[in-house]
Amino acid sequence: MGNRSKKSQIRGRTFNERTNRIGVHAVGTIFLADFQWLFRPQEVSDLGIDAVVEILDNDEPTGRLIALQIKTGPSYFRKWGDGYALTIEKRHIEYWIKYSIPVYVIIADPERKLFLWQKVERRLCTPTRGGWRIGIPRSNPLNPTAKPFFERPAPRDAQSIARAHFKLDRELIDEISRTGRAAIFVWDEWRNENAWRNLRIYIDGDRSVAADLVLDLDLAADGGLPEIMEKVFPWSRHCYAEETSISAEVKVHVLSVELRNEATAYLQLERFFEAGEPSASLLLRRGEGSS
């Protein structure tokens, strides 16, 4: 009986994971094809953050980000008022409201091609016994008419944008730091289209094995690759390791990428807080020493 129950749980979890992946892929297609923005699924969900979107301006990266929580399946379309209601754990709502970039919830039913959105704001949330309920109107379809509602709240100042990118790439920054070596970033430049695509990242610099991370990017910038690296990976500094042409149309750019001092300081601070707040006695001793 116990084994049968365990197998049922595994099948249920696998089905839910597959359903979630289908939903994330469908939402990503809308942002990539209809909005023409960058869509980056999060392999490790950060308290419900399933994907991060970067707003592009005529295919040029702006560095401005929004975060998405995606719920997939008919069961999430629970009728409430003139739309639907989504119940969310209190800890998630509190985290999202304080998040460094705006967070949106999207309910997705790919079979019916129905996708609706709502921005997470405290004023839109109603407390329930188990958490919070947020209303998602039928009048909020996820299509290009919604672009202004996603663009306006996204941070515009350079400090907020850089902070958001540091948080987004925390895991990548951490892994590069742990190797103690420069990572290798490989870009394809499509000369005739002024486009930079298909980024492959080798975290420990070893290109004899498969890339650790592949990002399906399609970017343009008047300043070329240096401008793209500055906007998409502001925590990095790079130099050319190699440049080769594989055809008349495509040139491959191989970069040696290291962490800026700011990225190292960011990691140290994050690890410090993750280890627990300093004790009151330690803070007191520091205060005595500075007086």
C-alpha atoms as a PDB file:
ATOM      1  CA  MET A   1       0.000   0.000   0.000  1.00  0.00           C
ATOM      2  CA  GLY A   2       2.848   2.343   0.917  1.00  0.00           C
ATOM      3  CA  ASN A   3       4.712   1.670  -2.340  1.00  0.00           C
ATOM      4  CA  ARG A   4       1.538   2.223  -4.366  1.00  0.00           C
ATOM      5  CA  SER A   5       0.979   5.572  -2.613  1.00  0.00           C
ATOM      6  CA  LYS A   6       4.594   6.610  -3.237  1.00  0.00           C
ATOM      7  CA  LYS A   7       4.355   5.695  -6.938  1.00  0.00           C
ATOM      8  CA  SER A   8       1.127   7.688  -7.204  1.00  0.00           C
ATOM      9  CA  GLN A   9       2.850  10.720  -5.673  1.00  0.00           C
ATOM     10  CA  ILE A  10       5.755  10.407  -8.115  1.00  0.00           C
ATOM     11  CA  ARG A  11       3.396  10.121 -11.106  1.00  0.00           C
ATOM     12  CA  GLY A  12       1.432  13.133  -9.846  1.00  0.00           C
ATOM     13  CA  ARG A  13       4.574  15.203  -9.364  1.00  0.00           C
ATOM     14  CA  THR A  14       5.905  14.255 -12.819  1.00  0.00           C
ATOM     15  CA  PHE A  15       2.577  15.151 -14.453  1.00  0.00           C
ATOM     16  CA  ASN A  16       2.494  18.518 -12.664  1.00  0.00           C
ATOM     17  CA  GLU A  17       6.084  19.290 -13.644  1.00  0.00           C
ATOM     18  CA  ARG A  18       5.339  18.445 -17.280  1.00  0.00           C
ATOM     19  CA  THR A  19       2.195  20.615 -17.207  1.00  0.00           C
ATOM     20  CA  ASN A  20       4.162  23.493 -15.688  1.00  0.00           C
ATOM     21  CA  ARG A  21       6.870  23.200 -18.359  1.00  0.00           C
ATOM     22  CA  ILE A  22       4.224  23.292 -21.099  1.00  0.00           C
ATOM     23  CA  GLY A  23       2.751  26.441 -19.573  1.00  0.00           C
ATOM     24  CA  VAL A  24       6.124  28.160 -19.168  1.00  0.00           C
ATOM     25  CA  HIS A  25       7.009  27.310 -22.779  1.00  0.00           C
ATOM     26  CA  ALA A  26       3.671  28.648 -24.068  1.00  0.00           C
ATOM     27  CA  VAL A  27       4.018  31.898 -22.112  1.00  0.00           C
ATOM     28  CA  GLY A  28       7.625  32.212 -23.294  1.00  0.00           C
ATOM     29  CA  THR A  29       6.486  31.908 -26.911  1.00  0.00           C
ATOM     30  CA  ILE A  30       4.105  34.842 -26.417  1.00  0.00           C
ATOM     31  CA  PHE A  31       6.816  37.075 -24.955  1.00  0.00           C
ATOM     32  CA  LEU A  32       9.376  36.064 -27.586  1.00  0.00           C
ATOM     33  CA  ALA A  33       7.146  36.123 -30.686  1.00  0.00           C
ATOM     34  CA  ASP A  34       4.416  38.649 -29.856  1.00  0.00           C
ATOM     35  CA  PHE A  35       6.139  41.037 -27.458  1.00  0.00           C
ATOM     36  CA  GLN A  36       9.575  40.457 -29.048  1.00  0.00           C
ATOM     37  CA  TRP A  37      11.208  40.563 -25.635  1.00  0.00           C
ATOM     38  CA  LEU A  38      13.718  38.193 -24.015  1.00  0.00           C
ATOM     39  CA  PHE A  39      12.312  35.336 -21.933  1.00  0.00           C
ATOM     40  CA  ARG A  40      14.498  33.433 -19.481  1.00  0.00           C
ATOM     41  CA  PRO A  41      12.943  30.474 -17.624  1.00  0.00           C
ATOM     42  CA  GLN A  42      14.365  29.938 -14.143  1.00  0.00           C
ATOM     43  CA  GLU A  43      15.637  26.378 -13.758  1.00  0.00           C
ATOM     44  CA  VAL A  44      15.538  26.723  -9.977  1.00  0.00           C
ATOM     45  CA  SER A  45      12.297  28.443  -9.022  1.00  0.00           C
ATOM     46  CA  ASP A  46      13.004  31.310  -6.600  1.00  0.00           C
ATOM     47  CA  LEU A  47       9.958  31.231  -4.301  1.00  0.00           C
ATOM     48  CA  GLY A  48       7.667  30.831  -7.284  1.00  0.00           C
ATOM     49  CA  ILE A  49       9.554  32.978  -9.825  1.00  0.00           C
ATOM     50  CA  ASP A  50       9.250  30.832 -12.956  1.00  0.00           C
ATOM     51  CA  ALA A  51      10.745  33.216 -15.522  1.00  0.00           C
ATOM     52  CA  VAL A  52      12.310  36.630 -15.986  1.00  0.00           C
ATOM     53  CA  VAL A  53      11.595  38.825 -19.002  1.00  0.00           C
ATOM     54  CA  GLU A  54      13.866  41.570 -20.326  1.00  0.00           C
ATOM     55  CA  ILE A  55      12.241  44.409 -22.237  1.00  0.00           C
ATOM     56  CA  LEU A  56      13.862  45.068 -25.615  1.00  0.00           C
ATOM     57  CA  ASP A  57      13.794  48.276 -27.637  1.00  0.00           C
ATOM     58  CA  ASN A  58      14.012  47.445 -31.360  1.00  0.00           C
ATOM     59  CA  ASP A  59      15.860  44.230 -30.454  1.00  0.00           C
ATOM     60  CA  GLU A  60      18.332  46.138 -28.266  1.00  0.00           C
ATOM     61  CA  PRO A  61      18.579  45.097 -24.596  1.00  0.00           C
ATOM     62  CA  THR A  62      17.479  47.756 -22.099  1.00  0.00           C
ATOM     63  CA  GLY A  63      18.407  45.861 -18.939  1.00  0.00           C
ATOM     64  CA  ARG A  64      14.862  46.408 -17.623  1.00  0.00           C
ATOM     65  CA  LEU A  65      13.371  43.249 -16.100  1.00  0.00           C
ATOM     66  CA  ILE A  66      10.078  41.839 -14.870  1.00  0.00           C
ATOM     67  CA  ALA A  67       9.447  38.514 -13.085  1.00  0.00           C
ATOM     68  CA  LEU A  68       6.698  35.976 -13.760  1.00  0.00           C
ATOM     69  CA  GLN A  69       4.895  33.343 -11.693  1.00  0.00           C
ATOM     70  CA  ILE A  70       3.091  31.004 -14.106  1.00  0.00           C
ATOM     71  CA  LYS A  71       0.238  28.673 -13.102  1.00  0.00           C
ATOM     72  CA  THR A  72      -0.822  26.183 -15.772  1.00  0.00           C
ATOM     73  CA  GLY A  73      -4.038  24.218 -16.189  1.00  0.00           C
ATOM     74  CA  PRO A  74      -7.838  24.659 -16.062  1.00  0.00           C
ATOM     75  CA  SER A  75      -7.832  24.164 -12.277  1.00  0.00           C
ATOM     76  CA  TYR A  76      -6.310  27.635 -11.830  1.00  0.00           C
ATOM     77  CA  PHE A  77      -9.230  29.308 -13.613  1.00  0.00           C
ATOM     78  CA  ARG A  78     -11.460  29.529 -10.536  1.00  0.00           C
ATOM     79  CA  LYS A  79     -14.279  31.958 -11.244  1.00  0.00           C
ATOM     80  CA  TRP A  80     -14.426  34.973  -8.953  1.00  0.00           C
ATOM     81  CA  GLY A  81     -16.337  38.159  -9.759  1.00  0.00           C
ATOM     82  CA  ASP A  82     -15.730  39.237 -13.342  1.00  0.00           C
ATOM     83  CA  GLY A  83     -12.649  37.040 -13.650  1.00  0.00           C
ATOM     84  CA  TYR A  84     -10.726  34.422 -11.740  1.00  0.00           C
ATOM     85  CA  ALA A  85      -9.052  34.087  -8.356  1.00  0.00           C
ATOM     86  CA  LEU A  86      -5.641  32.668  -7.548  1.00  0.00           C
ATOM     87  CA  THR A  87      -4.791  31.711  -3.969  1.00  0.00           C
ATOM     88  CA  ILE A  88      -1.152  32.203  -3.011  1.00  0.00           C
ATOM     89  CA  GLU A  89       0.843  31.445   0.124  1.00  0.00           C
ATOM     90  CA  LYS A  90       1.440  34.447   2.363  1.00  0.00           C
ATOM     91  CA  ARG A  91       5.237  34.040   2.283  1.00  0.00           C
ATOM     92  CA  HIS A  92       5.202  34.189  -1.519  1.00  0.00           C
ATOM     93  CA  ILE A  93       3.114  37.366  -1.633  1.00  0.00           C
ATOM     94  CA  GLU A  94       5.315  39.101   0.945  1.00  0.00           C
ATOM     95  CA  TYR A  95       8.437  38.090  -0.979  1.00  0.00           C
ATOM     96  CA  TRP A  96       7.074  39.185  -4.365  1.00  0.00           C
ATOM     97  CA  ILE A  97       5.893  42.574  -3.114  1.00  0.00           C
ATOM     98  CA  LYS A  98       9.404  43.291  -1.810  1.00  0.00           C
ATOM     99  CA  TYR A  99      11.127  41.800  -4.867  1.00  0.00           C
ATOM    100  CA  SER A 100      13.678  43.983  -6.648  1.00  0.00           C
ATOM    101  CA  ILE A 101      11.666  43.927  -9.901  1.00  0.00           C
ATOM    102  CA  PRO A 102       7.893  43.877 -10.567  1.00  0.00           C
ATOM    103  CA  VAL A 103       6.254  40.443 -10.293  1.00  0.00           C
ATOM    104  CA  TYR A 104       3.263  39.301 -12.375  1.00  0.00           C
ATOM    105  CA  VAL A 105       1.150  36.176 -12.005  1.00  0.00           C
ATOM    106  CA  ILE A 106      -0.055  34.490 -15.190  1.00  0.00           C
ATOM    107  CA  ILE A 107      -2.662  31.754 -15.379  1.00  0.00           C
ATOM    108  CA  ALA A 108      -2.287  29.659 -18.510  1.00  0.00           C
ATOM    109  CA  ASP A 109      -4.486  27.140 -20.306  1.00  0.00           C
ATOM    110  CA  PRO A 110      -2.479  26.315 -23.469  1.00  0.00           C
ATOM    111  CA  GLU A 111      -5.132  23.937 -24.828  1.00  0.00           C
ATOM    112  CA  ARG A 112      -7.704  26.748 -24.923  1.00  0.00           C
ATOM    113  CA  LYS A 113      -5.002  29.314 -25.794  1.00  0.00           C
ATOM    114  CA  LEU A 114      -6.128  31.313 -22.785  1.00  0.00           C
ATOM    115  CA  PHE A 115      -3.516  33.356 -20.896  1.00  0.00           C
ATOM    116  CA  LEU A 116      -4.394  36.052 -18.348  1.00  0.00           C
ATOM    117  CA  TRP A 117      -2.166  38.217 -16.144  1.00  0.00           C
ATOM    118  CA  GLN A 118      -2.180  40.397 -13.050  1.00  0.00           C
ATOM    119  CA  LYS A 119       0.509  42.487 -11.372  1.00  0.00           C
ATOM    120  CA  VAL A 120       1.229  41.513  -7.780  1.00  0.00           C
ATOM    121  CA  GLU A 121       0.361  44.458  -5.540  1.00  0.00           C
ATOM    122  CA  ARG A 122      -0.835  44.428  -1.948  1.00  0.00           C
ATOM    123  CA  ARG A 123      -3.912  46.500  -2.794  1.00  0.00           C
ATOM    124  CA  LEU A 124      -5.037  43.775  -5.215  1.00  0.00           C
ATOM    125  CA  CYS A 125      -4.709  40.973  -2.639  1.00  0.00           C
ATOM    126  CA  THR A 126      -7.399  39.770  -0.240  1.00  0.00           C
ATOM    127  CA  PRO A 127      -6.376  37.802   2.886  1.00  0.00           C
ATOM    128  CA  THR A 128      -7.788  34.284   3.251  1.00  0.00           C
ATOM    129  CA  ARG A 129      -7.393  31.590   5.890  1.00  0.00           C
ATOM    130  CA  GLY A 130      -4.584  29.924   3.952  1.00  0.00           C
ATOM    131  CA  GLY A 131      -2.831  32.941   2.448  1.00  0.00           C
ATOM    132  CA  TRP A 132      -3.863  35.618  -0.042  1.00  0.00           C
ATOM    133  CA  ARG A 133      -6.249  35.731  -2.971  1.00  0.00           C
ATOM    134  CA  ILE A 134      -5.513  37.849  -6.026  1.00  0.00           C
ATOM    135  CA  GLY A 135      -8.108  38.566  -8.698  1.00  0.00           C
ATOM    136  CA  ILE A 136      -7.229  38.143 -12.372  1.00  0.00           C
ATOM    137  CA  PRO A 137      -9.737  39.902 -14.677  1.00  0.00           C
ATOM    138  CA  ARG A 138     -10.907  38.384 -17.953  1.00  0.00           C
ATOM    139  CA  SER A 139      -9.983  41.761 -19.464  1.00  0.00           C
ATOM    140  CA  ASN A 140      -6.243  41.081 -18.918  1.00  0.00           C
ATOM    141  CA  PRO A 141      -5.292  38.810 -21.829  1.00  0.00           C
ATOM    142  CA  LEU A 142      -1.585  38.209 -22.356  1.00  0.00           C
ATOM    143  CA  ASN A 143      -1.064  39.744 -25.793  1.00  0.00           C
ATOM    144  CA  PRO A 144       0.789  42.774 -27.228  1.00  0.00           C
ATOM    145  CA  THR A 145      -1.961  45.175 -26.065  1.00  0.00           C
ATOM    146  CA  ALA A 146      -0.701  44.501 -22.525  1.00  0.00           C
ATOM    147  CA  LYS A 147       2.876  45.670 -23.254  1.00  0.00           C
ATOM    148  CA  PRO A 148       2.460  49.139 -21.650  1.00  0.00           C
ATOM    149  CA  PHE A 149       1.263  47.546 -18.390  1.00  0.00           C
ATOM    150  CA  PHE A 150       4.457  45.484 -18.236  1.00  0.00           C
ATOM    151  CA  GLU A 151       6.780  48.266 -19.432  1.00  0.00           C
ATOM    152  CA  ARG A 152       5.764  51.098 -17.112  1.00  0.00           C
ATOM    153  CA  PRO A 153       6.573  49.482 -13.723  1.00  0.00           C
ATOM    154  CA  ALA A 154       9.920  48.011 -14.829  1.00  0.00           C
ATOM    155  CA  PRO A 155      12.880  49.848 -13.214  1.00  0.00           C
ATOM    156  CA  ARG A 156      14.544  52.487 -15.383  1.00  0.00           C
ATOM    157  CA  ASP A 157      17.393  53.839 -13.232  1.00  0.00           C
ATOM    158  CA  ALA A 158      20.820  52.291 -13.731  1.00  0.00           C
ATOM    159  CA  GLN A 159      21.264  51.261 -10.084  1.00  0.00           C
ATOM    160  CA  SER A 160      17.969  49.341  -9.915  1.00  0.00           C
ATOM    161  CA  ILE A 161      18.641  47.678 -13.270  1.00  0.00           C
ATOM    162  CA  ALA A 162      22.124  46.539 -12.219  1.00  0.00           C
ATOM    163  CA  ARG A 163      20.814  45.265  -8.869  1.00  0.00           C
ATOM    164  CA  ALA A 164      18.098  43.253 -10.643  1.00  0.00           C
ATOM    165  CA  HIS A 165      20.644  41.621 -12.979  1.00  0.00           C
ATOM    166  CA  PHE A 166      22.915  40.719 -10.082  1.00  0.00           C
ATOM    167  CA  LYS A 167      19.974  38.980  -8.383  1.00  0.00           C
ATOM    168  CA  LEU A 168      18.831  37.295 -11.604  1.00  0.00           C
ATOM    169  CA  ASP A 169      22.284  35.823 -12.280  1.00  0.00           C
ATOM    170  CA  ARG A 170      23.176  35.075  -8.646  1.00  0.00           C
ATOM    171  CA  GLU A 171      23.566  31.334  -9.285  1.00  0.00           C
ATOM    172  CA  LEU A 172      25.762  31.884 -12.352  1.00  0.00           C
ATOM    173  CA  ILE A 173      27.900  34.450 -10.508  1.00  0.00           C
ATOM    174  CA  ASP A 174      28.253  32.019  -7.610  1.00  0.00           C
ATOM    175  CA  GLU A 175      29.350  29.140  -9.852  1.00  0.00           C
ATOM    176  CA  ILE A 176      31.943  31.250 -11.697  1.00  0.00           C
ATOM    177  CA  SER A 177      33.278  32.453  -8.342  1.00  0.00           C
ATOM    178  CA  ARG A 178      33.653  28.897  -7.025  1.00  0.00           C
ATOM    179  CA  THR A 179      35.738  27.744 -10.003  1.00  0.00           C
ATOM    180  CA  GLY A 180      38.301  30.486  -9.435  1.00  0.00           C
ATOM    181  CA  ARG A 181      38.737  30.631 -13.224  1.00  0.00           C
ATOM    182  CA  ALA A 182      37.429  32.734 -16.077  1.00  0.00           C
ATOM    183  CA  ALA A 183      34.302  31.437 -17.771  1.00  0.00           C
ATOM    184  CA  ILE A 184      34.006  31.223 -21.549  1.00  0.00           C
ATOM    185  CA  PHE A 185      31.076  32.911 -23.332  1.00  0.00           C
ATOM    186  CA  VAL A 186      30.579  31.995 -27.001  1.00  0.00           C
ATOM    187  CA  TRP A 187      28.364  34.203 -29.187  1.00  0.00           C
ATOM    188  CA  ASP A 188      27.275  33.854 -32.819  1.00  0.00           C
ATOM    189  CA  GLU A 189      27.254  37.109 -34.782  1.00  0.00           C
ATOM    190  CA  TRP A 190      24.967  37.110 -37.821  1.00  0.00           C
ATOM    191  CA  ARG A 191      26.647  39.834 -39.853  1.00  0.00           C
ATOM    192  CA  ASN A 192      23.942  40.470 -42.430  1.00  0.00           C
ATOM    193  CA  GLU A 193      21.307  40.953 -39.730  1.00  0.00           C
ATOM    194  CA  ASN A 194      23.397  42.782 -37.104  1.00  0.00           C
ATOM    195  CA  ALA A 195      22.228  40.122 -34.641  1.00  0.00           C
ATOM    196  CA  TRP A 196      23.942  38.360 -31.748  1.00  0.00           C
ATOM    197  CA  ARG A 197      22.514  34.924 -30.998  1.00  0.00           C
ATOM    198  CA  ASN A 198      22.868  31.541 -29.334  1.00  0.00           C
ATOM    199  CA  LEU A 199      25.026  32.249 -26.266  1.00  0.00           C
ATOM    200  CA  ARG A 200      26.882  29.220 -24.865  1.00  0.00           C
ATOM    201  CA  ILE A 201      28.440  29.503 -21.405  1.00  0.00           C
ATOM    202  CA  TYR A 202      31.254  27.231 -20.182  1.00  0.00           C
ATOM    203  CA  ILE A 203      31.511  28.022 -16.480  1.00  0.00           C
ATOM    204  CA  ASP A 204      34.934  26.465 -15.853  1.00  0.00           C
ATOM    205  CA  GLY A 205      36.279  27.505 -19.262  1.00  0.00           C
ATOM    206  CA  ASP A 206      36.418  23.943 -20.647  1.00  0.00           C
ATOM    207  CA  ARG A 207      35.008  23.906 -24.189  1.00  0.00           C
ATOM    208  CA  SER A 208      35.829  20.228 -24.721  1.00  0.00           C
ATOM    209  CA  VAL A 209      32.525  19.320 -23.041  1.00  0.00           C
ATOM    210  CA  ALA A 210      28.955  20.488 -23.571  1.00  0.00           C
ATOM    211  CA  ALA A 211      28.114  24.033 -22.507  1.00  0.00           C
ATOM    212  CA  ASP A 212      26.850  24.433 -18.931  1.00  0.00           C
ATOM    213  CA  LEU A 213      24.248  26.955 -20.032  1.00  0.00           C
ATOM    214  CA  VAL A 214      22.734  27.809 -23.425  1.00  0.00           C
ATOM    215  CA  LEU A 215      20.672  30.988 -23.794  1.00  0.00           C
ATOM    216  CA  ASP A 216      18.547  31.359 -26.901  1.00  0.00           C
ATOM    217  CA  LEU A 217      19.130  35.090 -27.331  1.00  0.00           C
ATOM    218  CA  ASP A 218      18.571  37.276 -30.379  1.00  0.00           C
ATOM    219  CA  LEU A 219      19.940  40.770 -29.732  1.00  0.00           C
ATOM    220  CA  ALA A 220      21.127  43.843 -31.564  1.00  0.00           C
ATOM    221  CA  ALA A 221      23.073  46.886 -30.371  1.00  0.00           C
ATOM    222  CA  ASP A 222      24.728  49.852 -32.073  1.00  0.00           C
ATOM    223  CA  GLY A 223      27.716  49.346 -29.782  1.00  0.00           C
ATOM    224  CA  GLY A 224      28.041  45.696 -30.736  1.00  0.00           C
ATOM    225  CA  LEU A 225      28.999  42.932 -28.342  1.00  0.00           C
ATOM    226  CA  PRO A 226      30.604  45.174 -25.663  1.00  0.00           C
ATOM    227  CA  GLU A 227      27.312  47.052 -25.257  1.00  0.00           C
ATOM    228  CA  ILE A 228      25.305  43.811 -25.093  1.00  0.00           C
ATOM    229  CA  MET A 229      27.607  42.333 -22.446  1.00  0.00           C
ATOM    230  CA  GLU A 230      27.419  45.538 -20.411  1.00  0.00           C
ATOM    231  CA  LYS A 231      23.615  45.579 -20.461  1.00  0.00           C
ATOM    232  CA  VAL A 232      22.866  41.859 -20.127  1.00  0.00           C
ATOM    233  CA  PHE A 233      25.718  40.897 -17.771  1.00  0.00           C
ATOM    234  CA  PRO A 234      26.672  44.116 -15.916  1.00  0.00           C
ATOM    235  CA  TRP A 235      28.452  42.052 -13.233  1.00  0.00           C
ATOM    236  CA  SER A 236      31.090  40.813 -15.705  1.00  0.00           C
ATOM    237  CA  ARG A 237      34.210  42.037 -17.426  1.00  0.00           C
ATOM    238  CA  HIS A 238      35.530  40.335 -20.524  1.00  0.00           C
ATOM    239  CA  CYS A 239      38.298  40.141 -23.077  1.00  0.00           C
ATOM    240  CA  TYR A 240      38.520  38.328 -26.395  1.00  0.00           C
ATOM    241  CA  ALA A 241      39.881  34.810 -26.230  1.00  0.00           C
ATOM    242  CA  GLU A 242      39.255  33.895 -29.851  1.00  0.00           C
ATOM    243  CA  GLU A 243      37.382  35.036 -32.946  1.00  0.00           C
ATOM    244  CA  THR A 244      36.601  32.739 -35.857  1.00  0.00           C
ATOM    245  CA  SER A 245      34.360  32.770 -38.900  1.00  0.00           C
ATOM    246  CA  ILE A 246      32.387  29.656 -39.675  1.00  0.00           C
ATOM    247  CA  SER A 247      30.731  31.099 -42.779  1.00  0.00           C
ATOM    248  CA  ALA A 248      30.320  34.337 -44.701  1.00  0.00           C
ATOM    249  CA  GLU A 249      27.220  35.077 -42.628  1.00  0.00           C
ATOM    250  CA  VAL A 250      28.246  33.930 -39.152  1.00  0.00           C
ATOM    251  CA  LYS A 251      31.230  34.873 -37.012  1.00  0.00           C
ATOM    252  CA  VAL A 252      31.886  33.181 -33.662  1.00  0.00           C
ATOM    253  CA  HIS A 253      33.116  35.348 -30.796  1.00  0.00           C
ATOM    254  CA  VAL A 254      34.761  33.633 -27.825  1.00  0.00           C
ATOM    255  CA  LEU A 255      35.060  35.734 -24.671  1.00  0.00           C
ATOM    256  CA  SER A 256      36.974  35.127 -21.474  1.00  0.00           C
ATOM    257  CA  VAL A 257      34.648  36.391 -18.717  1.00  0.00           C
ATOM    258  CA  GLU A 258      35.526  37.234 -15.122  1.00  0.00           C
ATOM    259  CA  LEU A 259      33.603  38.779 -12.252  1.00  0.00           C
ATOM    260  CA  ARG A 260      33.839  42.483 -11.580  1.00  0.00           C
ATOM    261  CA  ASN A 261      34.902  43.487  -8.078  1.00  0.00           C
ATOM    262  CA  GLU A 262      31.317  44.601  -7.481  1.00  0.00           C
ATOM    263  CA  ALA A 263      30.074  41.067  -8.195  1.00  0.00           C
ATOM    264  CA  THR A 264      32.531  39.571  -5.719  1.00  0.00           C
ATOM    265  CA  ALA A 265      31.437  42.084  -3.084  1.00  0.00           C
ATOM    266  CA  TYR A 266      27.784  41.276  -3.842  1.00  0.00           C
ATOM    267  CA  LEU A 267      28.411  37.553  -3.309  1.00  0.00           C
ATOM    268  CA  GLN A 268      30.216  38.162  -0.026  1.00  0.00           C
ATOM    269  CA  LEU A 269      27.341  40.280   1.262  1.00  0.00           C
ATOM    270  CA  GLU A 270      24.692  37.761   0.173  1.00  0.00           C
ATOM    271  CA  ARG A 271      26.575  34.873   1.800  1.00  0.00           C
ATOM    272  CA  PHE A 272      26.999  36.930   4.973  1.00  0.00           C
ATOM    273  CA  PHE A 273      23.253  37.477   5.328  1.00  0.00           C
ATOM    274  CA  GLU A 274      22.424  33.892   4.323  1.00  0.00           C
ATOM    275  CA  ALA A 275      24.658  32.638   7.126  1.00  0.00           C
ATOM    276  CA  GLY A 276      22.460  34.487   9.635  1.00  0.00           C
ATOM    277  CA  GLU A 277      22.374  37.979  11.059  1.00  0.00           C
ATOM    278  CA  PRO A 278      25.352  38.937  13.237  1.00  0.00           C
ATOM    279  CA  SER A 279      24.790  38.549  16.960  1.00  0.00           C
ATOM    280  CA  ALA A 280      23.898  41.547  19.065  1.00  0.00           C
ATOM    281  CA  SER A 281      27.156  41.190  21.036  1.00  0.00           C
ATOM    282  CA  LEU A 282      29.206  41.339  17.843  1.00  0.00           C
ATOM    283  CA  LEU A 283      27.403  44.478  16.713  1.00  0.00           C
ATOM    284  CA  LEU A 284      27.911  45.981  20.168  1.00  0.00           C
ATOM    285  CA  ARG A 285      31.640  45.283  20.091  1.00  0.00           C
ATOM    286  CA  ARG A 286      31.898  46.906  16.663  1.00  0.00           C
ATOM    287  CA  GLY A 287      30.032  49.927  17.939  1.00  0.00           C
ATOM    288  CA  GLU A 288      32.410  50.230  20.901  1.00  0.00           C
ATOM    289  CA  GLY A 289      35.419  49.993  18.630  1.00  0.00           C
ATOM    290  CA  SER A 290      34.223  52.794  16.385  1.00  0.00           C
ATOM    291  CA  SER A 291      33.453  55.238  19.208  1.00  0.00           C
END
